[in-house]
């Protein structure tokens, strides 16, 4: 699975140099951070709506959109999927309650 994420990250990185008129991803990069964040918000809302209807295929489709746009954000911020996977790995053997408590000031 991480190969797929790495492959997608590479494609997204190359799209940074593409003509915004010819690439949806390049157009998002050209519009900047606020446009990328707006798409993530829209996709998260669509995940919630799909989940409320309990349409499993719609949930899969919308989560794929959310993950995709999250990957665009990572690329925009010069981050990699491996950064997120490392964070998840670090949390793997910790309780969610303990992990959250470690972030609270």
N, C-alpha and C. Protein backbone atom coordinates (compact mmCIF):
# COMPACT_ATOMS: atom_id res chain seq x y z
N UNK A 1 0.82 -1.19 0.00
CA UNK A 1 0.00 0.00 0.00
C UNK A 1 0.86 1.25 0.00
N UNK A 2 1.96 1.24 0.74
CA UNK A 2 2.79 2.44 0.77
C UNK A 2 3.41 2.72 -0.60
N UNK A 3 3.56 1.68 -1.45
CA UNK A 3 4.04 1.92 -2.81
C UNK A 3 3.04 2.78 -3.59
N UNK A 4 1.76 2.50 -3.40
CA UNK A 4 0.73 3.29 -4.06
C UNK A 4 0.78 4.74 -3.58
N UNK A 5 0.94 4.93 -2.27
CA UNK A 5 1.03 6.29 -1.74
C UNK A 5 2.28 6.99 -2.26
N UNK A 6 3.39 6.29 -2.34
CA UNK A 6 4.62 6.87 -2.87
C UNK A 6 4.46 7.22 -4.34
N UNK A 7 3.85 6.33 -5.11
CA UNK A 7 3.61 6.61 -6.52
C UNK A 7 2.73 7.83 -6.70
N UNK A 8 1.66 7.91 -5.92
CA UNK A 8 0.78 9.07 -6.01
C UNK A 8 1.52 10.34 -5.60
N UNK A 9 2.32 10.27 -4.54
CA UNK A 9 3.10 11.44 -4.11
C UNK A 9 4.02 11.92 -5.22
N UNK A 10 4.64 10.99 -5.94
CA UNK A 10 5.52 11.36 -7.06
C UNK A 10 4.74 12.05 -8.18
N UNK A 11 3.57 11.52 -8.50
CA UNK A 11 2.75 12.14 -9.54
C UNK A 11 2.35 13.55 -9.11
N UNK A 12 1.91 13.69 -7.87
CA UNK A 12 1.49 15.01 -7.38
C UNK A 12 2.66 15.99 -7.39
N UNK A 13 3.84 15.52 -7.05
CA UNK A 13 5.02 16.40 -7.08
C UNK A 13 5.30 16.89 -8.50
N UNK A 14 5.18 15.99 -9.48
CA UNK A 14 5.42 16.38 -10.87
C UNK A 14 4.35 17.35 -11.38
N UNK A 15 3.16 17.24 -10.86
CA UNK A 15 2.08 18.13 -11.29
C UNK A 15 2.30 19.57 -10.83
N UNK A 16 3.19 19.78 -9.88
CA UNK A 16 3.49 21.15 -9.43
C UNK A 16 4.01 21.98 -10.59
N UNK A 17 4.66 21.33 -11.55
CA UNK A 17 5.24 22.05 -12.68
C UNK A 17 4.34 22.05 -13.92
N UNK A 18 3.18 21.44 -13.80
CA UNK A 18 2.28 21.34 -14.95
C UNK A 18 1.51 22.64 -15.15
N UNK A 19 1.00 22.80 -16.34
CA UNK A 19 0.16 23.94 -16.67
C UNK A 19 -1.18 23.80 -15.95
N UNK A 20 -1.56 24.79 -15.14
CA UNK A 20 -2.84 24.71 -14.43
C UNK A 20 -4.04 24.53 -15.35
N UNK A 21 -3.93 24.95 -16.59
CA UNK A 21 -5.04 24.77 -17.53
C UNK A 21 -5.18 23.32 -17.98
N UNK A 22 -4.12 22.54 -17.79
CA UNK A 22 -4.14 21.15 -18.28
C UNK A 22 -4.19 20.11 -17.16
N UNK A 23 -4.12 20.55 -15.90
CA UNK A 23 -4.06 19.61 -14.78
C UNK A 23 -4.88 20.14 -13.60
N UNK A 24 -5.81 19.33 -13.16
CA UNK A 24 -6.62 19.69 -11.99
C UNK A 24 -5.72 19.95 -10.78
N UNK A 25 -4.76 19.05 -10.55
CA UNK A 25 -3.87 19.19 -9.40
C UNK A 25 -3.03 20.46 -9.53
N UNK A 26 -2.49 20.71 -10.71
CA UNK A 26 -1.71 21.93 -10.92
C UNK A 26 -2.58 23.17 -10.67
N UNK A 27 -3.85 23.09 -11.04
CA UNK A 27 -4.73 24.24 -10.79
C UNK A 27 -4.95 24.45 -9.30
N UNK A 28 -5.02 23.37 -8.53
CA UNK A 28 -5.14 23.52 -7.07
C UNK A 28 -3.88 24.17 -6.50
N UNK A 29 -2.71 23.67 -6.93
CA UNK A 29 -1.46 24.27 -6.45
C UNK A 29 -1.41 25.76 -6.80
N UNK A 30 -1.84 26.10 -8.00
CA UNK A 30 -1.79 27.50 -8.45
C UNK A 30 -2.72 28.38 -7.62
N UNK A 31 -3.84 27.82 -7.18
CA UNK A 31 -4.79 28.60 -6.37
C UNK A 31 -4.32 28.77 -4.93
N UNK A 32 -3.42 27.88 -4.49
CA UNK A 32 -2.82 28.04 -3.18
C UNK A 32 -3.46 27.23 -2.08
N UNK A 33 -2.93 27.43 -0.90
CA UNK A 33 -3.30 26.65 0.28
C UNK A 33 -4.80 26.72 0.59
N UNK A 34 -5.38 27.91 0.52
CA UNK A 34 -6.80 28.04 0.88
C UNK A 34 -7.68 27.19 -0.02
N UNK A 35 -7.38 27.11 -1.30
CA UNK A 35 -8.17 26.28 -2.22
C UNK A 35 -8.02 24.81 -1.89
N UNK A 36 -6.82 24.40 -1.55
CA UNK A 36 -6.59 23.00 -1.18
C UNK A 36 -7.35 22.67 0.10
N UNK A 37 -7.28 23.56 1.09
CA UNK A 37 -7.99 23.33 2.34
C UNK A 37 -9.50 23.31 2.14
N UNK A 38 -10.00 24.15 1.25
CA UNK A 38 -11.43 24.16 0.95
C UNK A 38 -11.86 22.81 0.38
N UNK A 39 -11.05 22.26 -0.53
CA UNK A 39 -11.37 20.94 -1.10
C UNK A 39 -11.37 19.86 -0.02
N UNK A 40 -10.43 19.91 0.89
CA UNK A 40 -10.39 18.93 1.97
C UNK A 40 -11.66 19.04 2.82
N UNK A 41 -12.07 20.26 3.12
CA UNK A 41 -13.30 20.46 3.88
C UNK A 41 -14.52 19.92 3.15
N UNK A 42 -14.59 20.18 1.84
CA UNK A 42 -15.71 19.67 1.04
C UNK A 42 -15.72 18.15 1.04
N UNK A 43 -14.55 17.55 0.86
CA UNK A 43 -14.49 16.09 0.80
C UNK A 43 -14.82 15.47 2.15
N UNK A 44 -14.37 16.09 3.24
CA UNK A 44 -14.70 15.57 4.57
C UNK A 44 -16.22 15.61 4.80
N UNK A 45 -16.85 16.69 4.36
CA UNK A 45 -18.31 16.79 4.47
C UNK A 45 -18.99 15.71 3.66
N UNK A 46 -18.48 15.44 2.46
CA UNK A 46 -19.06 14.39 1.62
C UNK A 46 -18.89 13.00 2.23
N UNK A 47 -17.78 12.78 2.95
CA UNK A 47 -17.60 11.51 3.66
C UNK A 47 -18.69 11.36 4.72
N UNK A 48 -18.93 12.42 5.46
CA UNK A 48 -19.94 12.38 6.51
C UNK A 48 -21.32 12.09 5.93
N UNK A 49 -21.66 12.76 4.84
CA UNK A 49 -22.97 12.54 4.21
C UNK A 49 -23.09 11.10 3.72
N UNK A 50 -22.05 10.60 3.08
CA UNK A 50 -22.08 9.22 2.58
C UNK A 50 -22.22 8.23 3.74
N UNK A 51 -21.51 8.49 4.82
CA UNK A 51 -21.58 7.59 5.97
C UNK A 51 -22.97 7.61 6.60
N UNK A 52 -23.59 8.78 6.64
CA UNK A 52 -24.94 8.87 7.21
C UNK A 52 -25.95 8.07 6.40
N UNK A 53 -25.73 7.96 5.11
CA UNK A 53 -26.64 7.17 4.28
C UNK A 53 -26.28 5.68 4.31
N UNK A 54 -25.14 5.37 4.91
CA UNK A 54 -24.63 4.01 5.01
C UNK A 54 -24.43 3.34 3.65
N UNK A 55 -24.14 4.15 2.66
CA UNK A 55 -23.84 3.65 1.31
C UNK A 55 -22.34 3.35 1.27
N UNK A 56 -21.98 2.09 1.39
CA UNK A 56 -20.58 1.72 1.52
C UNK A 56 -19.75 2.13 0.31
N UNK A 57 -20.28 1.98 -0.89
CA UNK A 57 -19.52 2.38 -2.09
C UNK A 57 -19.30 3.88 -2.11
N UNK A 58 -20.31 4.64 -1.69
CA UNK A 58 -20.16 6.10 -1.63
C UNK A 58 -19.11 6.48 -0.58
N UNK A 59 -19.10 5.79 0.55
CA UNK A 59 -18.10 6.06 1.58
C UNK A 59 -16.69 5.80 1.03
N UNK A 60 -16.52 4.69 0.36
CA UNK A 60 -15.21 4.38 -0.24
C UNK A 60 -14.80 5.46 -1.23
N UNK A 61 -15.71 5.85 -2.09
CA UNK A 61 -15.43 6.87 -3.11
C UNK A 61 -15.05 8.20 -2.45
N UNK A 62 -15.82 8.61 -1.46
CA UNK A 62 -15.57 9.91 -0.83
C UNK A 62 -14.30 9.90 0.01
N UNK A 63 -14.01 8.77 0.67
CA UNK A 63 -12.75 8.70 1.43
C UNK A 63 -11.57 8.72 0.47
N UNK A 64 -11.70 8.08 -0.69
CA UNK A 64 -10.63 8.15 -1.69
C UNK A 64 -10.39 9.61 -2.10
N UNK A 65 -11.48 10.36 -2.30
CA UNK A 65 -11.34 11.79 -2.64
C UNK A 65 -10.66 12.55 -1.51
N UNK A 66 -11.06 12.25 -0.27
CA UNK A 66 -10.47 12.93 0.89
C UNK A 66 -8.99 12.61 1.01
N UNK A 67 -8.64 11.34 0.87
CA UNK A 67 -7.23 10.96 0.94
C UNK A 67 -6.44 11.63 -0.18
N UNK A 68 -7.01 11.63 -1.39
CA UNK A 68 -6.32 12.25 -2.52
C UNK A 68 -6.01 13.72 -2.23
N UNK A 69 -7.02 14.46 -1.79
CA UNK A 69 -6.81 15.88 -1.54
C UNK A 69 -5.90 16.12 -0.34
N UNK A 70 -5.91 15.19 0.62
CA UNK A 70 -4.96 15.28 1.73
C UNK A 70 -3.53 15.07 1.22
N UNK A 71 -3.38 14.20 0.25
CA UNK A 71 -2.06 13.99 -0.37
C UNK A 71 -1.61 15.25 -1.12
N UNK A 72 -2.54 15.94 -1.76
CA UNK A 72 -2.21 17.20 -2.43
C UNK A 72 -1.69 18.19 -1.38
N UNK A 73 -2.36 18.25 -0.23
CA UNK A 73 -1.92 19.14 0.84
C UNK A 73 -0.52 18.77 1.32
N UNK A 74 -0.28 17.48 1.54
CA UNK A 74 1.06 17.07 1.96
C UNK A 74 2.11 17.54 0.97
N UNK A 75 1.85 17.31 -0.30
CA UNK A 75 2.80 17.72 -1.33
C UNK A 75 3.00 19.24 -1.33
N UNK A 76 1.90 19.96 -1.21
CA UNK A 76 1.98 21.43 -1.18
C UNK A 76 2.88 21.92 -0.04
N UNK A 77 2.81 21.21 1.08
CA UNK A 77 3.60 21.60 2.26
C UNK A 77 4.96 20.93 2.31
N UNK A 78 5.35 20.26 1.19
CA UNK A 78 6.65 19.59 1.10
C UNK A 78 6.77 18.45 2.12
N UNK A 79 5.66 17.76 2.36
CA UNK A 79 5.65 16.59 3.24
C UNK A 79 5.41 15.35 2.40
N UNK A 80 5.66 14.19 3.00
CA UNK A 80 5.51 12.92 2.30
C UNK A 80 4.52 12.02 3.05
N UNK A 81 3.89 11.08 2.34
CA UNK A 81 3.03 10.11 3.02
C UNK A 81 3.78 9.37 4.13
N UNK A 82 5.07 9.14 3.93
CA UNK A 82 5.87 8.45 4.95
C UNK A 82 5.88 9.21 6.27
N UNK A 83 5.77 10.53 6.22
CA UNK A 83 5.72 11.32 7.45
C UNK A 83 4.47 10.96 8.26
N UNK A 84 3.34 10.79 7.58
CA UNK A 84 2.09 10.43 8.25
C UNK A 84 2.15 8.98 8.71
N UNK A 85 2.69 8.10 7.86
CA UNK A 85 2.80 6.69 8.25
C UNK A 85 3.69 6.52 9.46
N UNK A 86 4.76 7.30 9.55
CA UNK A 86 5.64 7.26 10.72
C UNK A 86 4.88 7.69 11.97
N UNK A 87 4.10 8.74 11.85
CA UNK A 87 3.30 9.21 12.99
C UNK A 87 2.30 8.13 13.42
N UNK A 88 1.65 7.49 12.46
CA UNK A 88 0.71 6.41 12.79
C UNK A 88 1.44 5.24 13.46
N UNK A 89 2.62 4.91 12.95
CA UNK A 89 3.41 3.83 13.55
C UNK A 89 3.77 4.17 14.99
N UNK A 90 4.15 5.42 15.24
CA UNK A 90 4.50 5.85 16.59
C UNK A 90 3.31 5.71 17.55
N UNK A 91 2.12 5.83 17.03
CA UNK A 91 0.91 5.74 17.85
C UNK A 91 0.42 4.30 18.01
N UNK A 92 0.95 3.40 17.24
CA UNK A 92 0.40 2.04 17.15
C UNK A 92 0.31 1.33 18.48
N UNK A 93 1.32 1.44 19.30
CA UNK A 93 1.33 0.72 20.57
C UNK A 93 0.92 1.59 21.76
N UNK A 94 0.32 2.75 21.48
CA UNK A 94 -0.13 3.64 22.54
C UNK A 94 -1.64 3.71 22.55
N UNK A 95 -2.19 3.87 23.71
CA UNK A 95 -3.63 4.07 23.77
C UNK A 95 -3.95 5.45 23.21
N UNK A 96 -5.08 5.56 22.57
CA UNK A 96 -5.51 6.85 22.03
C UNK A 96 -5.65 7.89 23.12
N UNK A 97 -6.09 7.47 24.29
CA UNK A 97 -6.24 8.40 25.42
C UNK A 97 -4.88 8.93 25.84
N UNK A 98 -3.88 8.04 25.95
CA UNK A 98 -2.53 8.47 26.33
C UNK A 98 -1.92 9.37 25.26
N UNK A 99 -2.11 9.01 23.99
CA UNK A 99 -1.55 9.82 22.89
C UNK A 99 -2.14 11.22 22.92
N UNK A 100 -3.45 11.33 23.07
CA UNK A 100 -4.10 12.64 23.11
C UNK A 100 -3.64 13.44 24.31
N UNK A 101 -3.50 12.80 25.45
CA UNK A 101 -3.04 13.49 26.67
C UNK A 101 -1.64 14.05 26.49
N UNK A 102 -0.80 13.36 25.71
CA UNK A 102 0.58 13.83 25.52
C UNK A 102 0.62 15.10 24.67
N UNK A 103 -0.45 15.40 23.94
CA UNK A 103 -0.50 16.61 23.11
C UNK A 103 -1.09 17.79 23.85
N UNK A 104 -1.84 17.54 24.92
CA UNK A 104 -2.48 18.63 25.65
C UNK A 104 -1.44 19.35 26.51
N UNK A 105 -1.47 20.70 26.47
CA UNK A 105 -0.49 21.46 27.28
C UNK A 105 -0.77 21.36 28.76
